[in-house]
N, C-alpha and C. Protein backbone atom coordinates (compact mmCIF):
# COMPACT_ATOMS: atom_id res chain seq x y z
N MET A 1 88.90 85.47 159.63
CA MET A 1 89.94 86.06 160.41
C MET A 1 90.97 86.69 159.45
N VAL A 2 91.43 87.85 159.78
CA VAL A 2 92.44 88.56 159.00
C VAL A 2 93.71 88.64 159.84
N ASP A 3 94.77 88.06 159.37
CA ASP A 3 96.03 88.17 160.10
C ASP A 3 97.13 88.83 159.29
N ASP A 4 96.76 89.48 158.21
CA ASP A 4 97.69 90.19 157.35
C ASP A 4 98.00 91.54 158.03
N PRO A 5 99.22 91.80 158.43
CA PRO A 5 99.52 93.06 159.13
C PRO A 5 99.40 94.29 158.24
N THR A 6 99.25 94.10 156.93
CA THR A 6 99.11 95.26 156.05
C THR A 6 97.66 95.49 155.63
N ALA A 7 96.71 94.69 156.16
CA ALA A 7 95.31 94.86 155.81
C ALA A 7 94.81 96.21 156.31
N LEU A 8 93.97 96.83 155.51
CA LEU A 8 93.38 98.13 155.86
C LEU A 8 91.91 97.95 156.17
N PHE A 9 91.39 98.74 157.10
CA PHE A 9 90.01 98.68 157.53
C PHE A 9 89.37 100.05 157.53
N ALA A 10 88.09 100.11 157.32
CA ALA A 10 87.35 101.36 157.43
C ALA A 10 86.65 101.38 158.78
N ILE A 11 86.76 102.48 159.52
CA ILE A 11 86.15 102.60 160.83
C ILE A 11 85.75 104.05 161.05
N GLN A 12 84.58 104.27 161.64
CA GLN A 12 84.12 105.61 161.88
C GLN A 12 84.74 106.20 163.14
N ALA A 13 85.18 107.43 163.07
CA ALA A 13 85.75 108.12 164.21
C ALA A 13 84.61 108.65 165.09
N ASP A 14 84.89 108.78 166.37
CA ASP A 14 83.85 109.24 167.31
C ASP A 14 83.81 110.76 167.43
N SER A 15 84.57 111.46 166.61
CA SER A 15 84.58 112.94 166.60
C SER A 15 85.32 113.40 165.35
N THR A 16 85.54 114.70 165.23
CA THR A 16 86.28 115.27 164.09
C THR A 16 87.72 114.85 164.10
N VAL A 17 88.25 114.57 162.92
CA VAL A 17 89.67 114.19 162.76
C VAL A 17 90.40 115.37 162.13
N ASN A 18 91.56 115.73 162.68
CA ASN A 18 92.37 116.81 162.16
C ASN A 18 93.49 116.26 161.27
N ASN A 19 94.04 117.13 160.45
CA ASN A 19 95.14 116.72 159.57
C ASN A 19 96.29 116.11 160.35
N ASP A 20 96.62 116.66 161.54
CA ASP A 20 97.73 116.14 162.31
C ASP A 20 97.44 114.79 162.97
N ASP A 21 96.20 114.28 162.86
CA ASP A 21 95.87 112.95 163.38
C ASP A 21 96.26 111.84 162.41
N LEU A 22 96.50 112.21 161.14
CA LEU A 22 96.96 111.19 160.17
C LEU A 22 98.30 110.64 160.60
N ALA A 23 98.49 109.36 160.48
CA ALA A 23 99.70 108.63 160.87
C ALA A 23 99.85 108.51 162.36
N ALA A 24 98.87 108.96 163.13
CA ALA A 24 98.89 108.77 164.60
C ALA A 24 98.34 107.39 164.92
N ASN A 25 98.57 106.94 166.12
CA ASN A 25 98.00 105.72 166.66
C ASN A 25 96.81 106.10 167.49
N ALA A 26 95.84 105.19 167.62
CA ALA A 26 94.65 105.47 168.40
C ALA A 26 94.03 104.20 168.97
N ALA A 27 93.18 104.37 169.93
CA ALA A 27 92.45 103.29 170.59
C ALA A 27 91.08 103.13 169.96
N LEU A 28 90.39 102.09 170.35
CA LEU A 28 89.01 101.84 169.98
C LEU A 28 88.12 102.19 171.17
N VAL A 29 86.87 102.53 170.90
CA VAL A 29 85.93 102.82 171.96
C VAL A 29 84.63 102.09 171.63
N GLN A 30 84.02 101.49 172.62
CA GLN A 30 82.74 100.76 172.48
C GLN A 30 81.60 101.71 172.79
N GLY A 31 80.73 101.96 171.81
CA GLY A 31 79.57 102.81 172.03
C GLY A 31 78.39 101.98 172.55
N ALA A 32 77.30 102.68 172.87
CA ALA A 32 76.11 101.99 173.36
C ALA A 32 75.52 101.12 172.26
N SER A 33 75.05 99.96 172.60
CA SER A 33 74.48 99.06 171.61
C SER A 33 73.08 99.46 171.19
N SER A 34 72.70 99.07 169.97
CA SER A 34 71.37 99.35 169.45
C SER A 34 70.94 98.21 168.58
N ALA A 35 69.88 97.54 168.94
CA ALA A 35 69.35 96.41 168.16
C ALA A 35 68.82 96.90 166.82
N ASP A 36 68.42 98.16 166.71
CA ASP A 36 67.86 98.68 165.47
C ASP A 36 68.90 98.84 164.37
N LEU A 37 70.13 99.15 164.73
CA LEU A 37 71.15 99.43 163.72
C LEU A 37 71.75 98.18 163.09
N SER A 38 71.94 97.14 163.84
CA SER A 38 72.54 95.89 163.38
C SER A 38 73.92 96.14 162.77
N ILE A 39 74.66 97.09 163.33
CA ILE A 39 76.04 97.35 162.88
C ILE A 39 76.93 97.46 164.10
N SER A 40 78.20 97.45 163.86
CA SER A 40 79.17 97.58 164.96
C SER A 40 79.04 98.96 165.61
N ARG A 41 79.14 98.98 166.91
CA ARG A 41 79.12 100.23 167.67
C ARG A 41 80.51 100.58 168.19
N VAL A 42 81.53 99.92 167.63
CA VAL A 42 82.91 100.21 167.99
C VAL A 42 83.39 101.31 167.06
N SER A 43 84.09 102.28 167.58
CA SER A 43 84.59 103.38 166.74
C SER A 43 86.03 103.74 167.12
N LEU A 44 86.63 104.53 166.25
CA LEU A 44 87.97 105.03 166.47
C LEU A 44 87.93 106.15 167.51
N ASP A 45 88.62 105.97 168.62
CA ASP A 45 88.64 106.96 169.68
C ASP A 45 89.66 108.03 169.34
N ILE A 46 89.22 109.04 168.60
CA ILE A 46 90.15 110.04 168.10
C ILE A 46 90.79 110.87 169.19
N SER A 47 90.19 110.92 170.37
CA SER A 47 90.79 111.70 171.48
C SER A 47 92.09 111.05 171.97
N THR A 48 92.34 109.79 171.61
CA THR A 48 93.56 109.09 172.02
C THR A 48 94.66 109.17 170.98
N ALA A 49 94.44 109.85 169.86
CA ALA A 49 95.43 109.93 168.79
C ALA A 49 96.76 110.46 169.34
N ALA A 50 97.81 109.66 169.18
CA ALA A 50 99.13 110.00 169.71
C ALA A 50 100.19 109.13 169.03
N THR A 51 101.41 109.30 169.42
CA THR A 51 102.51 108.49 168.89
C THR A 51 102.71 107.21 169.70
N THR A 52 101.90 107.01 170.70
CA THR A 52 102.02 105.83 171.60
C THR A 52 101.95 104.53 170.79
N ALA A 53 103.04 103.80 170.78
CA ALA A 53 103.15 102.58 169.97
C ALA A 53 102.26 101.44 170.45
N THR A 54 101.82 101.47 171.69
CA THR A 54 101.00 100.37 172.20
C THR A 54 99.51 100.50 171.84
N LEU A 55 99.12 101.61 171.24
CA LEU A 55 97.73 101.75 170.81
C LEU A 55 97.49 100.84 169.60
N PRO A 56 96.30 100.23 169.50
CA PRO A 56 96.11 99.17 168.51
C PRO A 56 95.97 99.59 167.04
N LEU A 57 95.58 100.83 166.76
CA LEU A 57 95.34 101.22 165.37
C LEU A 57 96.27 102.34 164.93
N ARG A 58 96.59 102.34 163.64
CA ARG A 58 97.32 103.42 162.99
C ARG A 58 96.35 104.07 162.02
N ILE A 59 96.16 105.38 162.11
CA ILE A 59 95.29 106.12 161.20
C ILE A 59 96.03 106.35 159.90
N VAL A 60 95.45 105.90 158.79
CA VAL A 60 96.11 105.98 157.48
C VAL A 60 95.59 107.14 156.67
N ASP A 61 94.27 107.31 156.56
CA ASP A 61 93.69 108.33 155.71
C ASP A 61 92.20 108.43 155.93
N TRP A 62 91.58 109.42 155.35
CA TRP A 62 90.13 109.50 155.31
C TRP A 62 89.66 108.54 154.20
N LEU A 63 88.50 107.91 154.39
CA LEU A 63 87.96 107.06 153.35
C LEU A 63 87.75 107.96 152.13
N GLY A 64 88.26 107.59 151.00
CA GLY A 64 88.19 108.42 149.80
C GLY A 64 89.33 109.41 149.68
N GLY A 65 90.24 109.42 150.66
CA GLY A 65 91.40 110.30 150.59
C GLY A 65 91.11 111.71 151.05
N TYR A 66 92.11 112.54 150.98
CA TYR A 66 92.06 113.91 151.46
C TYR A 66 90.97 114.70 150.74
N ASN A 67 90.73 114.43 149.48
CA ASN A 67 89.73 115.12 148.70
C ASN A 67 88.39 114.40 148.66
N GLY A 68 88.24 113.36 149.46
CA GLY A 68 87.01 112.57 149.48
C GLY A 68 85.91 113.18 150.31
N ASP A 69 84.77 112.53 150.31
CA ASP A 69 83.56 113.04 151.01
C ASP A 69 83.71 113.05 152.52
N GLU A 70 84.61 112.25 153.09
CA GLU A 70 84.71 112.15 154.56
C GLU A 70 85.56 113.25 155.16
N TYR A 71 86.44 113.88 154.39
CA TYR A 71 87.32 114.91 154.92
C TYR A 71 86.48 116.09 155.41
N GLY A 72 86.71 116.51 156.65
CA GLY A 72 86.04 117.66 157.20
C GLY A 72 84.65 117.38 157.80
N THR A 73 84.21 116.14 157.81
CA THR A 73 82.91 115.80 158.42
C THR A 73 83.08 115.60 159.91
N ALA A 74 81.96 115.64 160.63
CA ALA A 74 82.00 115.55 162.10
C ALA A 74 82.41 114.16 162.61
N PHE A 75 81.98 113.11 161.95
CA PHE A 75 82.29 111.74 162.38
C PHE A 75 82.77 110.97 161.13
N PRO A 76 83.96 111.27 160.65
CA PRO A 76 84.40 110.70 159.36
C PRO A 76 84.73 109.21 159.47
N ILE A 77 84.61 108.53 158.34
CA ILE A 77 85.05 107.15 158.24
C ILE A 77 86.52 107.21 157.82
N MET A 78 87.35 106.56 158.62
CA MET A 78 88.79 106.60 158.42
C MET A 78 89.32 105.25 157.95
N VAL A 79 90.42 105.26 157.25
CA VAL A 79 91.12 104.04 156.87
C VAL A 79 92.21 103.86 157.91
N CYS A 80 92.25 102.66 158.51
CA CYS A 80 93.22 102.35 159.57
C CYS A 80 93.81 100.97 159.34
N ARG A 81 94.87 100.71 160.02
CA ARG A 81 95.47 99.36 160.04
C ARG A 81 95.84 99.03 161.48
N PHE A 82 96.03 97.75 161.74
CA PHE A 82 96.47 97.34 163.08
C PHE A 82 97.93 97.66 163.25
N ASN A 83 98.33 98.06 164.43
CA ASN A 83 99.75 98.22 164.74
C ASN A 83 100.35 96.86 164.97
N ALA A 84 101.65 96.74 164.85
CA ALA A 84 102.35 95.47 164.96
C ALA A 84 101.95 94.71 166.22
N GLY A 85 101.59 93.46 166.04
CA GLY A 85 101.24 92.61 167.17
C GLY A 85 99.78 92.60 167.54
N HIS A 86 99.05 93.65 167.26
CA HIS A 86 97.64 93.71 167.65
C HIS A 86 96.77 92.80 166.83
N GLN A 87 97.14 92.48 165.60
CA GLN A 87 96.32 91.57 164.80
C GLN A 87 96.45 90.15 165.30
N LEU A 88 97.38 89.87 166.16
CA LEU A 88 97.56 88.52 166.73
C LEU A 88 97.19 88.47 168.19
N SER A 89 96.42 89.43 168.67
CA SER A 89 96.17 89.56 170.10
C SER A 89 95.25 88.45 170.66
N LEU A 90 94.71 87.57 169.82
CA LEU A 90 93.90 86.48 170.32
C LEU A 90 94.71 85.34 170.89
N ILE A 91 96.02 85.35 170.65
CA ILE A 91 96.91 84.33 171.20
C ILE A 91 97.27 84.75 172.63
N ALA A 92 96.96 83.91 173.57
CA ALA A 92 97.22 84.24 174.97
C ALA A 92 98.70 84.40 175.25
N ALA A 93 99.03 85.30 176.14
CA ALA A 93 100.41 85.50 176.55
C ALA A 93 100.98 84.22 177.13
N GLY A 94 102.15 83.84 176.68
CA GLY A 94 102.79 82.63 177.18
C GLY A 94 102.32 81.36 176.49
N SER A 95 101.40 81.49 175.55
CA SER A 95 100.89 80.33 174.84
C SER A 95 101.89 79.84 173.84
N THR A 96 101.86 78.55 173.56
CA THR A 96 102.74 77.99 172.51
C THR A 96 102.02 77.94 171.16
N ALA A 97 100.78 78.47 171.11
CA ALA A 97 100.04 78.49 169.85
C ALA A 97 100.73 79.45 168.89
N THR A 98 100.61 79.15 167.62
CA THR A 98 101.17 80.02 166.59
C THR A 98 100.05 80.59 165.75
N ALA A 99 100.32 81.69 165.12
CA ALA A 99 99.33 82.31 164.25
C ALA A 99 99.16 81.44 163.02
N PRO A 100 97.94 81.43 162.43
CA PRO A 100 97.73 80.63 161.25
C PRO A 100 98.55 81.19 160.09
N SER A 101 99.03 80.29 159.23
CA SER A 101 99.81 80.73 158.08
C SER A 101 98.88 81.13 156.96
N ALA A 102 99.37 81.99 156.08
CA ALA A 102 98.57 82.43 154.91
C ALA A 102 98.40 81.24 153.97
N ALA A 103 97.20 81.11 153.44
CA ALA A 103 96.91 80.00 152.53
C ALA A 103 97.19 80.39 151.12
């Protein structure tokens, strides 16, 4: 489990990412499952990119940066982080449980 709010993750976008999508917030989308791939079918829903603070992810950069191999590709792998509070979303609303402390 990762509960560090500054942790960065790599995730593939479900379409082309534009320069103005950097620093935007976005949702996740669940794709069709495939037993052959044995990988996650969850992707960055780039059509939701906006300033909406309640969206779970913040788009940070293309994997490898602006000059990297992912920039300008149809389904780029992006570097993202969780928006505040979303990394703790497993704690039920109204629960008295606390997030685990860093070891």
